[in-house]
């Protein structure tokens, strides 16, 4: 009995205070733990306070197929450019009239001259010779294309009298070669690509060399043939009055020199009309409406004459009569 009393006293004295202290600690931890946890999670919780970005879903279209979403700015810019671009194809360059005779390579010869006028002889169309009125009256007010056409015409007319359009012609005892009868030493002196007699038999190189020479001499002298200077300084046909006048008459007769044609290219259809028209219609023509039977009988009875209203009101009118 005494032992039980001592045990109970020991529990009251030592054990119960420890349990009470442990319960208090447990209660404190129960309150403090959520606060500590909140402090650790606060930075990540407030890192992005805004709503999550929404990605627009593709719009559904018929048939269960999803339509593509909004285009990127670059794609939108390309689309705008595609819409504003002209549906008309780029026009080809018009080859002006030239005096090449019936030679098989006359188109290539014209292109060679035109290429030279955009290359080593590009300064020639910008020059207005003092005697141009004798050769091409409309030249001062002409466009660059029309001025190039004049120089092409002049060179082709010159080739007629120099070589009769024979690319391999050789004259002067073997001195002058090709379409424009150029001396190889002269070609080398002007820095032409063709520097030998054999090279000058190439029509493209021969014509390119001739245009290079003309660009230098016309700019230097300011004339085509006056006082046998300019182009006449290097080509003999200009010294013959009949040949010179023949070349003058031919160039003056061309549209680009007479002032009759404003452009070598035909006038294009207005852009707005082209877009609105949308090409030729594929819709068949509508069939004429059927004539009603009484009206048809009247036309047949009167042999094609449409009766007037007054005739219809008269008692004697009968569409069945012949």
Protein backbone atom coordinates (compact mmCIF):
# COMPACT_ATOMS: atom_id res chain seq x y z
CA UNK A 1 0.00 0.00 0.00
CA UNK A 2 2.81 2.30 0.95
CA UNK A 3 4.51 1.43 -2.34
CA UNK A 4 1.46 2.46 -4.33
CA UNK A 5 1.31 5.76 -2.55
CA UNK A 6 5.00 6.44 -3.31
CA UNK A 7 4.48 5.60 -6.99
CA UNK A 8 1.50 7.91 -7.23
CA UNK A 9 3.46 10.67 -5.55
CA UNK A 10 6.36 10.10 -7.98
CA UNK A 11 4.02 10.39 -10.93
CA UNK A 12 2.50 13.60 -9.62
CA UNK A 13 5.90 15.06 -8.79
CA UNK A 14 8.04 14.08 -11.81
CA UNK A 15 6.06 12.55 -14.64
CA UNK A 16 3.05 14.84 -14.90
CA UNK A 17 5.13 18.05 -15.14
CA UNK A 18 7.15 16.55 -18.02
CA UNK A 19 4.01 15.52 -19.87
CA UNK A 20 2.46 18.91 -19.37
CA UNK A 21 5.65 20.57 -20.72
CA UNK A 22 5.64 18.23 -23.73
CA UNK A 23 2.03 19.08 -24.47
CA UNK A 24 2.81 22.78 -24.38
CA UNK A 25 5.75 22.31 -26.78
CA UNK A 26 3.57 20.27 -29.08
CA UNK A 27 0.95 23.01 -29.08
CA UNK A 28 3.57 25.65 -29.81
CA UNK A 29 4.96 23.61 -32.71
CA UNK A 30 1.48 23.12 -34.06
CA UNK A 31 1.06 26.90 -34.23
CA UNK A 32 4.58 27.87 -35.40
CA UNK A 33 5.07 25.27 -38.17
CA UNK A 34 2.49 26.75 -40.58
CA UNK A 35 4.10 30.21 -40.19
CA UNK A 36 7.59 28.88 -40.99
CA UNK A 37 6.26 26.97 -43.97
CA UNK A 38 4.53 30.09 -45.29
CA UNK A 39 7.76 32.13 -45.04
CA UNK A 40 9.67 29.57 -47.14
CA UNK A 41 6.97 29.33 -49.83
CA UNK A 42 6.28 33.08 -50.06
CA UNK A 43 8.97 33.96 -52.77
CA UNK A 44 7.76 31.32 -55.18
CA UNK A 45 4.15 32.18 -54.51
CA UNK A 46 4.66 35.88 -55.39
CA UNK A 47 7.14 35.38 -58.27
CA UNK A 48 4.42 35.70 -60.94
CA UNK A 49 1.27 37.32 -59.68
CA UNK A 50 -0.35 37.75 -63.12
CA UNK A 51 -2.55 35.22 -64.82
CA UNK A 52 -0.95 32.58 -66.98
CA UNK A 53 -0.78 33.61 -70.69
CA UNK A 54 -3.46 32.13 -72.81
CA UNK A 55 -2.58 30.62 -76.18
CA UNK A 56 -5.44 31.08 -78.63
CA UNK A 57 -6.73 27.75 -79.76
CA UNK A 58 -7.03 27.20 -83.54
CA UNK A 59 -10.48 28.00 -84.80
CA UNK A 60 -12.42 24.95 -85.93
CA UNK A 61 -13.62 24.80 -89.51
CA UNK A 62 -15.99 22.53 -91.30
CA UNK A 63 -15.06 18.90 -91.67
CA UNK A 64 -13.35 18.65 -88.29
CA UNK A 65 -10.13 20.25 -89.63
CA UNK A 66 -8.53 22.89 -87.45
CA UNK A 67 -7.81 26.21 -89.12
CA UNK A 68 -4.33 27.66 -88.56
CA UNK A 69 -3.90 30.22 -85.80
CA UNK A 70 -2.81 33.86 -86.21
CA UNK A 71 0.15 34.42 -88.51
CA UNK A 72 3.46 35.80 -87.31
CA UNK A 73 4.21 39.48 -88.16
CA UNK A 74 6.64 38.41 -90.87
CA UNK A 75 4.04 36.15 -92.48
CA UNK A 76 1.45 38.95 -92.30
CA UNK A 77 3.87 41.32 -94.03
CA UNK A 78 4.48 38.78 -96.77
CA UNK A 79 0.74 38.37 -97.22
CA UNK A 80 0.26 42.12 -97.59
CA UNK A 81 3.03 42.30 -100.15
CA UNK A 82 1.54 39.41 -102.07
CA UNK A 83 -1.84 41.10 -102.22
CA UNK A 84 -0.45 44.47 -103.31
CA UNK A 85 1.86 43.01 -105.97
CA UNK A 86 0.77 43.46 -109.55
CA UNK A 87 -0.75 40.36 -111.19
CA UNK A 88 0.64 41.52 -114.52
CA UNK A 89 3.87 39.76 -115.59
CA UNK A 90 6.95 41.87 -116.18
CA UNK A 91 6.96 43.12 -119.74
CA UNK A 92 9.71 41.91 -122.03
CA UNK A 93 12.11 44.43 -123.47
CA UNK A 94 11.03 45.54 -126.93
CA UNK A 95 13.68 45.16 -129.65
CA UNK A 96 13.51 48.27 -131.87
CA UNK A 97 13.50 48.22 -135.63
CA UNK A 98 16.98 47.84 -137.13
CA UNK A 99 18.43 47.63 -140.63
CA UNK A 100 20.06 44.22 -140.58
CA UNK A 101 18.65 42.91 -143.85
CA UNK A 102 17.66 39.26 -143.74
CA UNK A 103 20.63 37.95 -141.75
CA UNK A 104 19.95 34.92 -139.57
CA UNK A 105 21.49 36.50 -136.49
CA UNK A 106 19.89 39.92 -136.71
CA UNK A 107 18.02 39.56 -133.39
CA UNK A 108 21.24 38.61 -131.59
CA UNK A 109 23.01 41.53 -133.25
CA UNK A 110 20.39 43.95 -131.98
CA UNK A 111 20.68 42.54 -128.47
CA UNK A 112 24.46 42.90 -128.63
CA UNK A 113 24.16 46.60 -129.48
CA UNK A 114 21.55 47.20 -126.79
CA UNK A 115 23.68 45.41 -124.22
CA UNK A 116 26.66 47.58 -125.14
CA UNK A 117 24.49 50.69 -124.70
CA UNK A 118 23.86 49.54 -121.14
CA UNK A 119 27.51 48.64 -120.65
CA UNK A 120 30.69 50.17 -122.12
CA UNK A 121 28.70 52.63 -124.29
CA UNK A 122 26.11 53.60 -121.62
CA UNK A 123 27.11 57.28 -121.87
CA UNK A 124 26.15 57.46 -125.56
CA UNK A 125 22.34 57.81 -125.14
CA UNK A 126 22.89 60.61 -122.62
CA UNK A 127 24.79 62.63 -125.24
CA UNK A 128 22.91 65.00 -127.57
CA UNK A 129 25.09 65.61 -130.65
CA UNK A 130 24.96 69.09 -132.21
CA UNK A 131 23.94 67.69 -135.62
CA UNK A 132 21.31 65.25 -134.28
CA UNK A 133 18.47 67.08 -136.10
CA UNK A 134 19.82 65.75 -139.40
CA UNK A 135 19.73 62.19 -138.13
CA UNK A 136 16.91 61.96 -135.62
CA UNK A 137 14.76 65.09 -135.06
CA UNK A 138 12.89 63.65 -132.05
CA UNK A 139 16.07 62.57 -130.25
CA UNK A 140 16.41 65.54 -127.82
CA UNK A 141 12.97 64.90 -126.28
CA UNK A 142 13.04 61.12 -126.63
CA UNK A 143 13.22 58.61 -123.78
CA UNK A 144 16.35 56.60 -123.15
CA UNK A 145 14.83 53.55 -124.85
CA UNK A 146 14.10 55.60 -127.95
CA UNK A 147 17.62 57.07 -127.96
CA UNK A 148 19.07 53.57 -127.71
CA UNK A 149 16.84 52.60 -130.63
CA UNK A 150 18.36 55.40 -132.71
CA UNK A 151 21.93 54.27 -132.07
CA UNK A 152 20.95 50.70 -132.89
CA UNK A 153 19.39 51.87 -136.15
CA UNK A 154 22.44 53.96 -137.04
CA UNK A 155 24.86 51.09 -136.43
CA UNK A 156 22.76 48.65 -138.47
CA UNK A 157 22.59 51.17 -141.35
CA UNK A 158 26.36 51.66 -141.12
CA UNK A 159 26.93 47.88 -141.26
CA UNK A 160 25.02 47.78 -144.54
CA UNK A 161 27.60 50.00 -146.24
CA UNK A 162 30.63 48.59 -144.40
CA UNK A 163 30.16 44.83 -144.79
CA UNK A 164 26.69 44.27 -146.26
CA UNK A 165 25.97 42.57 -142.89
CA UNK A 166 28.62 39.85 -143.33
CA UNK A 167 30.25 39.10 -139.95
CA UNK A 168 33.36 37.53 -141.53
CA UNK A 169 33.93 40.24 -144.15
CA UNK A 170 37.54 41.42 -144.49
CA UNK A 171 38.47 44.57 -146.41
CA UNK A 172 41.41 46.83 -147.15
CA UNK A 173 43.77 43.98 -147.94
CA UNK A 174 42.99 42.22 -144.65
CA UNK A 175 43.10 45.33 -142.47
CA UNK A 176 39.42 45.85 -141.55
CA UNK A 177 37.35 43.02 -140.15
CA UNK A 178 33.76 42.12 -139.35
CA UNK A 179 30.35 43.78 -139.47
CA UNK A 180 31.72 47.27 -138.80
CA UNK A 181 35.12 46.74 -140.50
CA UNK A 182 37.25 47.57 -137.45
CA UNK A 183 41.03 47.63 -137.58
CA UNK A 184 42.48 45.32 -134.88
CA UNK A 185 44.96 48.01 -133.83
CA UNK A 186 42.08 50.46 -133.36
CA UNK A 187 40.20 47.89 -131.26
CA UNK A 188 43.21 47.44 -129.01
CA UNK A 189 43.69 51.21 -128.73
CA UNK A 190 40.12 51.67 -127.45
CA UNK A 191 40.38 48.75 -125.02
CA UNK A 192 37.91 46.49 -126.79
CA UNK A 193 37.48 42.88 -125.76
CA UNK A 194 38.15 41.80 -129.34
CA UNK A 195 41.83 42.51 -129.95
CA UNK A 196 42.56 40.36 -133.00
CA UNK A 197 41.20 39.95 -136.51
CA UNK A 198 39.74 36.55 -135.62
CA UNK A 199 37.98 37.94 -132.53
CA UNK A 200 36.52 40.81 -134.56
CA UNK A 201 34.72 38.27 -136.76
CA UNK A 202 32.51 37.54 -133.77
CA UNK A 203 29.42 39.75 -134.31
CA UNK A 204 28.85 40.40 -130.61
CA UNK A 205 32.45 41.45 -129.97
CA UNK A 206 32.62 43.50 -133.17
CA UNK A 207 29.44 45.45 -132.40
CA UNK A 208 30.41 45.97 -128.76
CA UNK A 209 33.76 47.36 -129.88
CA UNK A 210 32.10 49.68 -132.40
CA UNK A 211 29.73 51.06 -129.75
CA UNK A 212 32.64 51.65 -127.38
CA UNK A 213 34.47 53.64 -130.08
CA UNK A 214 31.37 55.73 -130.92
CA UNK A 215 30.77 56.55 -127.26
CA UNK A 216 34.26 58.02 -127.06
CA UNK A 217 34.30 59.94 -130.33
CA UNK A 218 30.77 61.40 -130.11
CA UNK A 219 31.41 62.63 -126.59
CA UNK A 220 34.78 64.01 -127.65
CA UNK A 221 33.57 65.87 -130.76
CA UNK A 222 29.92 66.51 -129.85
CA UNK A 223 28.69 65.48 -133.31
CA UNK A 224 27.83 62.41 -135.38
CA UNK A 225 29.31 63.38 -138.74
CA UNK A 226 29.64 67.18 -139.00
CA UNK A 227 33.00 68.13 -140.54
CA UNK A 228 33.79 64.39 -140.67
CA UNK A 229 34.22 64.21 -136.92
CA UNK A 230 32.46 62.07 -134.30
CA UNK A 231 31.45 58.70 -135.75
CA UNK A 232 32.64 59.85 -139.19
CA UNK A 233 36.20 60.07 -137.89
CA UNK A 234 36.50 56.26 -137.91
CA UNK A 235 34.07 55.06 -140.59
CA UNK A 236 34.43 55.81 -144.29
CA UNK A 237 30.75 55.59 -145.42
CA UNK A 238 30.08 58.92 -143.68
CA UNK A 239 32.52 60.56 -146.12
CA UNK A 240 30.32 59.53 -149.06
CA UNK A 241 27.44 61.94 -149.53
CA UNK A 242 25.12 59.32 -151.01
CA UNK A 243 25.80 56.80 -148.28
CA UNK A 244 25.53 59.41 -145.55
CA UNK A 245 22.20 60.65 -146.88
CA UNK A 246 20.97 57.07 -147.22
CA UNK A 247 21.70 56.42 -143.54
CA UNK A 248 20.12 59.74 -142.55
CA UNK A 249 16.95 59.01 -144.51
CA UNK A 250 16.57 55.59 -142.93
CA UNK A 251 16.97 56.74 -139.32
CA UNK A 252 14.69 59.77 -139.81
CA UNK A 253 11.94 57.49 -141.18
CA UNK A 254 11.74 55.44 -137.99
CA UNK A 255 9.00 56.18 -135.45
CA UNK A 256 11.48 56.78 -132.63
CA UNK A 257 13.08 59.57 -134.69
CA UNK A 258 10.01 61.10 -136.30
CA UNK A 259 8.26 61.58 -132.96
CA UNK A 260 5.20 59.54 -133.93
CA UNK A 261 5.64 56.93 -131.21
CA UNK A 262 5.93 57.97 -127.57
CA UNK A 263 7.02 54.52 -126.48
CA UNK A 264 8.40 51.45 -128.21
CA UNK A 265 6.18 49.27 -126.00
CA UNK A 266 2.42 49.06 -126.65
CA UNK A 267 0.26 50.90 -124.13
CA UNK A 268 -0.62 48.58 -121.27
CA UNK A 269 -4.13 48.11 -120.01
CA UNK A 270 -4.77 50.13 -116.81
CA UNK A 271 -3.89 48.13 -113.71
CA UNK A 272 -7.25 48.69 -112.03
CA UNK A 273 -9.15 47.37 -115.02
CA UNK A 274 -6.90 44.32 -115.20
CA UNK A 275 -7.56 43.45 -111.57
CA UNK A 276 -11.30 44.13 -111.81
CA UNK A 277 -11.69 42.15 -115.01
CA UNK A 278 -10.08 39.05 -113.58
CA UNK A 279 -9.46 37.61 -117.02
CA UNK A 280 -11.97 36.47 -119.62
CA UNK A 281 -15.28 35.16 -118.31
CA UNK A 282 -15.94 31.45 -118.55
CA UNK A 283 -19.70 31.89 -118.09
CA UNK A 284 -21.70 30.88 -121.18
CA UNK A 285 -23.92 33.47 -122.80
CA UNK A 286 -27.48 33.45 -121.53
CA UNK A 287 -30.04 31.94 -123.85
CA UNK A 288 -32.72 34.37 -125.03
CA UNK A 289 -36.04 34.18 -123.28
CA UNK A 290 -38.70 32.14 -125.02
CA UNK A 291 -41.31 34.24 -126.78
CA UNK A 292 -44.80 33.75 -125.52
CA UNK A 293 -47.07 31.94 -127.98
CA UNK A 294 -49.45 34.83 -128.93
CA UNK A 295 -46.55 37.20 -129.57
CA UNK A 296 -44.78 34.57 -131.67
CA UNK A 297 -47.90 34.04 -133.75
CA UNK A 298 -48.12 37.78 -134.39
CA UNK A 299 -44.52 37.92 -135.59
CA UNK A 300 -45.06 34.95 -137.90
CA UNK A 301 -48.38 36.25 -139.21
CA UNK A 302 -46.98 39.70 -139.98
CA UNK A 303 -43.77 38.34 -141.49
CA UNK A 304 -41.54 39.83 -138.85
CA UNK A 305 -43.32 43.16 -138.44
CA UNK A 306 -44.19 43.95 -134.83
CA UNK A 307 -47.78 45.24 -134.81
CA UNK A 308 -48.44 48.57 -133.18
CA UNK A 309 -50.87 48.90 -130.33
CA UNK A 310 -53.30 50.72 -132.62
CA UNK A 311 -53.35 47.73 -134.98
CA UNK A 312 -54.15 45.38 -132.14
CA UNK A 313 -57.12 47.54 -131.09
CA UNK A 314 -58.68 47.61 -134.57
CA UNK A 315 -61.34 45.10 -135.39
CA UNK A 316 -59.74 44.14 -138.68
CA UNK A 317 -56.40 43.04 -137.14
CA UNK A 318 -56.08 39.31 -137.03
CA UNK A 319 -52.62 37.79 -136.42
CA UNK A 320 -53.75 34.59 -138.07
CA UNK A 321 -54.06 36.37 -141.42
CA UNK A 322 -51.15 36.14 -143.80
